[in-house]
PDB file of N, CA and C in Angstrom:
ATOM      1  N   MET A   1       4.652   0.746  32.758  1.00  0.00           N
ATOM      2  CA  MET A   1       4.399   0.400  31.388  1.00  0.00           C
ATOM      3  C   MET A   1       3.009   0.912  30.991  1.00  0.00           C
ATOM      4  N   TYR A   2       2.872   1.416  29.781  1.00  0.00           N
ATOM      5  CA  TYR A   2       1.605   1.941  29.312  1.00  0.00           C
ATOM      6  C   TYR A   2       0.773   0.825  28.689  1.00  0.00           C
ATOM      7  N   PRO A   3      -0.528   0.805  28.967  1.00  0.00           N
ATOM      8  CA  PRO A   3      -1.366  -0.208  28.326  1.00  0.00           C
ATOM      9  C   PRO A   3      -1.508   0.088  26.832  1.00  0.00           C
ATOM     10  N   CYS A   4      -1.325  -0.920  26.006  1.00  0.00           N
ATOM     11  CA  CYS A   4      -1.430  -0.753  24.559  1.00  0.00           C
ATOM     12  C   CYS A   4      -2.540  -1.653  24.040  1.00  0.00           C
ATOM     13  N   GLN A   5      -3.340  -1.102  23.180  1.00  0.00           N
ATOM     14  CA  GLN A   5      -4.399  -1.870  22.564  1.00  0.00           C
ATOM     15  C   GLN A   5      -4.383  -1.608  21.077  1.00  0.00           C
ATOM     16  N   ARG A   6      -4.806  -2.623  20.342  1.00  0.00           N
ATOM     17  CA  ARG A   6      -4.953  -2.428  18.903  1.00  0.00           C
ATOM     18  C   ARG A   6      -6.133  -1.509  18.664  1.00  0.00           C
ATOM     19  N   PRO A   7      -6.090  -0.760  17.570  1.00  0.00           N
ATOM     20  CA  PRO A   7      -7.212   0.131  17.281  1.00  0.00           C
ATOM     21  C   PRO A   7      -8.475  -0.679  16.988  1.00  0.00           C
ATOM     22  N   ARG A   8      -9.601  -0.086  17.303  1.00  0.00           N
ATOM     23  CA  ARG A   8     -10.876  -0.739  17.022  1.00  0.00           C
ATOM     24  C   ARG A   8     -11.098  -0.786  15.510  1.00  0.00           C
ATOM     25  N   LYS A   9     -11.943  -1.703  15.073  1.00  0.00           N
ATOM     26  CA  LYS A   9     -12.241  -1.830  13.645  1.00  0.00           C
ATOM     27  C   LYS A   9     -12.750  -0.521  13.070  1.00  0.00           C
ATOM     28  N   GLU A  10     -13.556   0.179  13.847  1.00  0.00           N
ATOM     29  CA  GLU A  10     -14.103   1.443  13.376  1.00  0.00           C
ATOM     30  C   GLU A  10     -13.002   2.462  13.119  1.00  0.00           C
ATOM     31  N   GLN A  11     -11.992   2.474  13.990  1.00  0.00           N
ATOM     32  CA  GLN A  11     -10.876   3.404  13.815  1.00  0.00           C
ATOM     33  C   GLN A  11     -10.094   3.078  12.550  1.00  0.00           C
ATOM     34  N   VAL A  12      -9.889   1.802  12.305  1.00  0.00           N
ATOM     35  CA  VAL A  12      -9.147   1.386  11.112  1.00  0.00           C
ATOM     36  C   VAL A  12      -9.949   1.734   9.864  1.00  0.00           C
ATOM     37  N   ARG A  13     -11.240   1.469   9.893  1.00  0.00           N
ATOM     38  CA  ARG A  13     -12.090   1.790   8.738  1.00  0.00           C
ATOM     39  C   ARG A  13     -12.087   3.296   8.456  1.00  0.00           C
ATOM     40  N   GLU A  14     -12.209   4.096   9.509  1.00  0.00           N
ATOM     41  CA  GLU A  14     -12.202   5.549   9.338  1.00  0.00           C
ATOM     42  C   GLU A  14     -10.876   6.012   8.756  1.00  0.00           C
ATOM     43  N   TRP A  15      -9.789   5.472   9.265  1.00  0.00           N
ATOM     44  CA  TRP A  15      -8.467   5.834   8.770  1.00  0.00           C
ATOM     45  C   TRP A  15      -8.339   5.463   7.294  1.00  0.00           C
ATOM     46  N   LEU A  16      -8.798   4.256   6.927  1.00  0.00           N
ATOM     47  CA  LEU A  16      -8.699   3.806   5.549  1.00  0.00           C
ATOM     48  C   LEU A  16      -9.569   4.662   4.632  1.00  0.00           C
ATOM     49  N   GLN A  17     -10.749   5.030   5.069  1.00  0.00           N
ATOM     50  CA  GLN A  17     -11.613   5.901   4.270  1.00  0.00           C
ATOM     51  C   GLN A  17     -10.947   7.251   4.019  1.00  0.00           C
ATOM     52  N   ASN A  18     -10.304   7.784   5.039  1.00  0.00           N
ATOM     53  CA  ASN A  18      -9.593   9.058   4.870  1.00  0.00           C
ATOM     54  C   ASN A  18      -8.455   8.926   3.866  1.00  0.00           C
ATOM     55  N   GLU A  19      -7.741   7.817   3.921  1.00  0.00           N
ATOM     56  CA  GLU A  19      -6.638   7.588   2.994  1.00  0.00           C
ATOM     57  C   GLU A  19      -7.156   7.448   1.562  1.00  0.00           C
ATOM     58  N   VAL A  20      -8.226   6.682   1.384  1.00  0.00           N
ATOM     59  CA  VAL A  20      -8.792   6.473   0.051  1.00  0.00           C
ATOM     60  C   VAL A  20      -9.327   7.794  -0.508  1.00  0.00           C
ATOM     61  N   ALA A  21      -9.920   8.608   0.350  1.00  0.00           N
ATOM     62  CA  ALA A  21     -10.487   9.882  -0.091  1.00  0.00           C
ATOM     63  C   ALA A  21      -9.410  10.827  -0.634  1.00  0.00           C
ATOM     64  N   GLN A  22      -8.182  10.615  -0.249  1.00  0.00           N
ATOM     65  CA  GLN A  22      -7.093  11.485  -0.713  1.00  0.00           C
ATOM     66  C   GLN A  22      -6.554  11.061  -2.084  1.00  0.00           C
ATOM     67  N   HIS A  23      -7.092   9.976  -2.648  1.00  0.00           N
ATOM     68  CA  HIS A  23      -6.758   9.518  -4.000  1.00  0.00           C
ATOM     69  C   HIS A  23      -5.258   9.322  -4.211  1.00  0.00           C
ATOM     70  N   ARG A  24      -4.626   8.690  -3.301  1.00  0.00           N
ATOM     71  CA  ARG A  24      -3.219   8.338  -3.493  1.00  0.00           C
ATOM     72  C   ARG A  24      -3.043   6.878  -3.114  1.00  0.00           C
ATOM     73  N   PRO A  25      -1.979   6.255  -3.565  1.00  0.00           N
ATOM     74  CA  PRO A  25      -1.790   4.841  -3.254  1.00  0.00           C
ATOM     75  C   PRO A  25      -1.601   4.643  -1.746  1.00  0.00           C
ATOM     76  N   PRO A  26      -1.959   3.470  -1.256  1.00  0.00           N
ATOM     77  CA  PRO A  26      -1.798   3.235   0.180  1.00  0.00           C
ATOM     78  C   PRO A  26      -0.321   3.262   0.575  1.00  0.00           C
ATOM     79  N   PRO A  27      -0.041   3.706   1.790  1.00  0.00           N
ATOM     80  CA  PRO A  27       1.354   3.731   2.244  1.00  0.00           C
ATOM     81  C   PRO A  27       1.860   2.308   2.499  1.00  0.00           C
ATOM     82  N   ALA A  28       3.129   2.211   2.718  1.00  0.00           N
ATOM     83  CA  ALA A  28       3.736   0.917   3.025  1.00  0.00           C
ATOM     84  C   ALA A  28       3.161   0.376   4.335  1.00  0.00           C
ATOM     85  N   LEU A  29       3.203  -0.924   4.490  1.00  0.00           N
ATOM     86  CA  LEU A  29       2.645  -1.570   5.672  1.00  0.00           C
ATOM     87  C   LEU A  29       3.261  -1.021   6.962  1.00  0.00           C
ATOM     88  N   ILE A  30       4.545  -0.776   6.955  1.00  0.00           N
ATOM     89  CA  ILE A  30       5.199  -0.256   8.162  1.00  0.00           C
ATOM     90  C   ILE A  30       4.665   1.138   8.514  1.00  0.00           C
ATOM     91  N   GLU A  31       4.337   1.937   7.492  1.00  0.00           N
ATOM     92  CA  GLU A  31       3.786   3.271   7.744  1.00  0.00           C
ATOM     93  C   GLU A  31       2.364   3.176   8.295  1.00  0.00           C
ATOM     94  N   ILE A  32       1.592   2.235   7.789  1.00  0.00           N
ATOM     95  CA  ILE A  32       0.240   2.020   8.312  1.00  0.00           C
ATOM     96  C   ILE A  32       0.316   1.646   9.777  1.00  0.00           C
ATOM     97  N   ARG A  33       1.191   0.721  10.107  1.00  0.00           N
ATOM     98  CA  ARG A  33       1.347   0.311  11.507  1.00  0.00           C
ATOM     99  C   ARG A  33       1.781   1.478  12.379  1.00  0.00           C
ATOM    100  N   ARG A  34       2.674   2.318  11.868  1.00  0.00           N
ATOM    101  CA  ARG A  34       3.137   3.463  12.644  1.00  0.00           C
ATOM    102  C   ARG A  34       1.983   4.425  12.907  1.00  0.00           C
ATOM    103  N   GLN A  35       1.186   4.700  11.874  1.00  0.00           N
ATOM    104  CA  GLN A  35       0.082   5.639  12.024  1.00  0.00           C
ATOM    105  C   GLN A  35      -0.988   5.123  12.972  1.00  0.00           C
ATOM    106  N   LEU A  36      -1.172   3.812  13.013  1.00  0.00           N
ATOM    107  CA  LEU A  36      -2.177   3.227  13.898  1.00  0.00           C
ATOM    108  C   LEU A  36      -1.629   2.930  15.292  1.00  0.00           C
ATOM    109  N   GLY A  37      -0.332   3.126  15.476  1.00  0.00           N
ATOM    110  CA  GLY A  37       0.251   2.905  16.794  1.00  0.00           C
ATOM    111  C   GLY A  37       0.588   1.459  17.094  1.00  0.00           C
ATOM    112  N   TRP A  38       0.623   0.618  16.077  1.00  0.00           N
ATOM    113  CA  TRP A  38       0.912  -0.793  16.326  1.00  0.00           C
ATOM    114  C   TRP A  38       2.363  -1.024  16.695  1.00  0.00           C
ATOM    115  N   GLY A  39       3.234  -0.091  16.384  1.00  0.00           N
ATOM    116  CA  GLY A  39       4.642  -0.239  16.742  1.00  0.00           C
ATOM    117  C   GLY A  39       4.822  -0.325  18.248  1.00  0.00           C
ATOM    118  N   TRP A  40       3.980   0.400  18.987  1.00  0.00           N
ATOM    119  CA  TRP A  40       4.064   0.357  20.445  1.00  0.00           C
ATOM    120  C   TRP A  40       3.723  -1.037  20.960  1.00  0.00           C
ATOM    121  N   ILE A  41       2.792  -1.708  20.310  1.00  0.00           N
ATOM    122  CA  ILE A  41       2.414  -3.056  20.725  1.00  0.00           C
ATOM    123  C   ILE A  41       3.589  -3.993  20.538  1.00  0.00           C
ATOM    124  N   GLU A  42       4.267  -3.890  19.396  1.00  0.00           N
ATOM    125  CA  GLU A  42       5.422  -4.736  19.134  1.00  0.00           C
ATOM    126  C   GLU A  42       6.542  -4.467  20.144  1.00  0.00           C
ATOM    127  N   MET A  43       6.769  -3.194  20.453  1.00  0.00           N
ATOM    128  CA  MET A  43       7.819  -2.860  21.418  1.00  0.00           C
ATOM    129  C   MET A  43       7.491  -3.446  22.791  1.00  0.00           C
ATOM    130  N   GLU A  44       6.222  -3.357  23.182  1.00  0.00           N
ATOM    131  CA  GLU A  44       5.829  -3.894  24.475  1.00  0.00           C
ATOM    132  C   GLU A  44       5.990  -5.411  24.500  1.00  0.00           C
ATOM    133  N   ARG A  45       5.631  -6.070  23.418  1.00  0.00           N
ATOM    134  CA  ARG A  45       5.769  -7.523  23.336  1.00  0.00           C
ATOM    135  C   ARG A  45       7.241  -7.933  23.457  1.00  0.00           C
ATOM    136  N   GLU A  46       8.102  -7.222  22.759  1.00  0.00           N
ATOM    137  CA  GLU A  46       9.527  -7.522  22.825  1.00  0.00           C
ATOM    138  C   GLU A  46      10.066  -7.298  24.234  1.00  0.00           C
ATOM    139  N   GLU A  47       9.601  -6.240  24.872  1.00  0.00           N
ATOM    140  CA  GLU A  47      10.050  -5.954  26.240  1.00  0.00           C
ATOM    141  C   GLU A  47       9.624  -7.064  27.192  1.00  0.00           C
ATOM    142  N   ARG A  48       8.401  -7.535  27.045  1.00  0.00           N
ATOM    143  CA  ARG A  48       7.920  -8.632  27.891  1.00  0.00           C
ATOM    144  C   ARG A  48       8.725  -9.896  27.672  1.00  0.00           C
ATOM    145  N   GLN A  49       9.092 -10.172  26.416  1.00  0.00           N
ATOM    146  CA  GLN A  49       9.893 -11.348  26.125  1.00  0.00           C
ATOM    147  C   GLN A  49      11.265 -11.243  26.772  1.00  0.00           C
ATOM    148  N   ARG A  50      11.868 -10.059  26.733  1.00  0.00           N
ATOM    149  CA  ARG A  50      13.175  -9.878  27.357  1.00  0.00           C
ATOM    150  C   ARG A  50      13.097 -10.060  28.863  1.00  0.00           C
ATOM    151  N   GLU A  51      12.020  -9.565  29.484  1.00  0.00           N
ATOM    152  CA  GLU A  51      11.870  -9.687  30.926  1.00  0.00           C
ATOM    153  C   GLU A  51      11.617 -11.136  31.335  1.00  0.00           C
ATOM    154  N   GLY A  52      10.977 -11.906  30.476  1.00  0.00           N
ATOM    155  CA  GLY A  52      10.653 -13.286  30.783  1.00  0.00           C
ATOM    156  C   GLY A  52      11.838 -14.229  30.641  1.00  0.00           C
ATOM    157  N   GLN A  53      12.896 -13.799  29.990  1.00  0.00           N
ATOM    158  CA  GLN A  53      14.047 -14.679  29.768  1.00  0.00           C
ATOM    159  C   GLN A  53      15.018 -14.653  30.899  1.00  0.00           C
TER     160      GLN A  53
END
């Protein structure tokens, strides 16, 4: 299993600044999570829950 960590605050701030600089509306929450890699965290959590049952 690969270790997954949430992005650091600095990474999120940098990403948000880049998005704002492009002058377009923010993407949907699911797209933000995908771009930041949070989907992997959810998948790992679900896998752990299945193994624990």
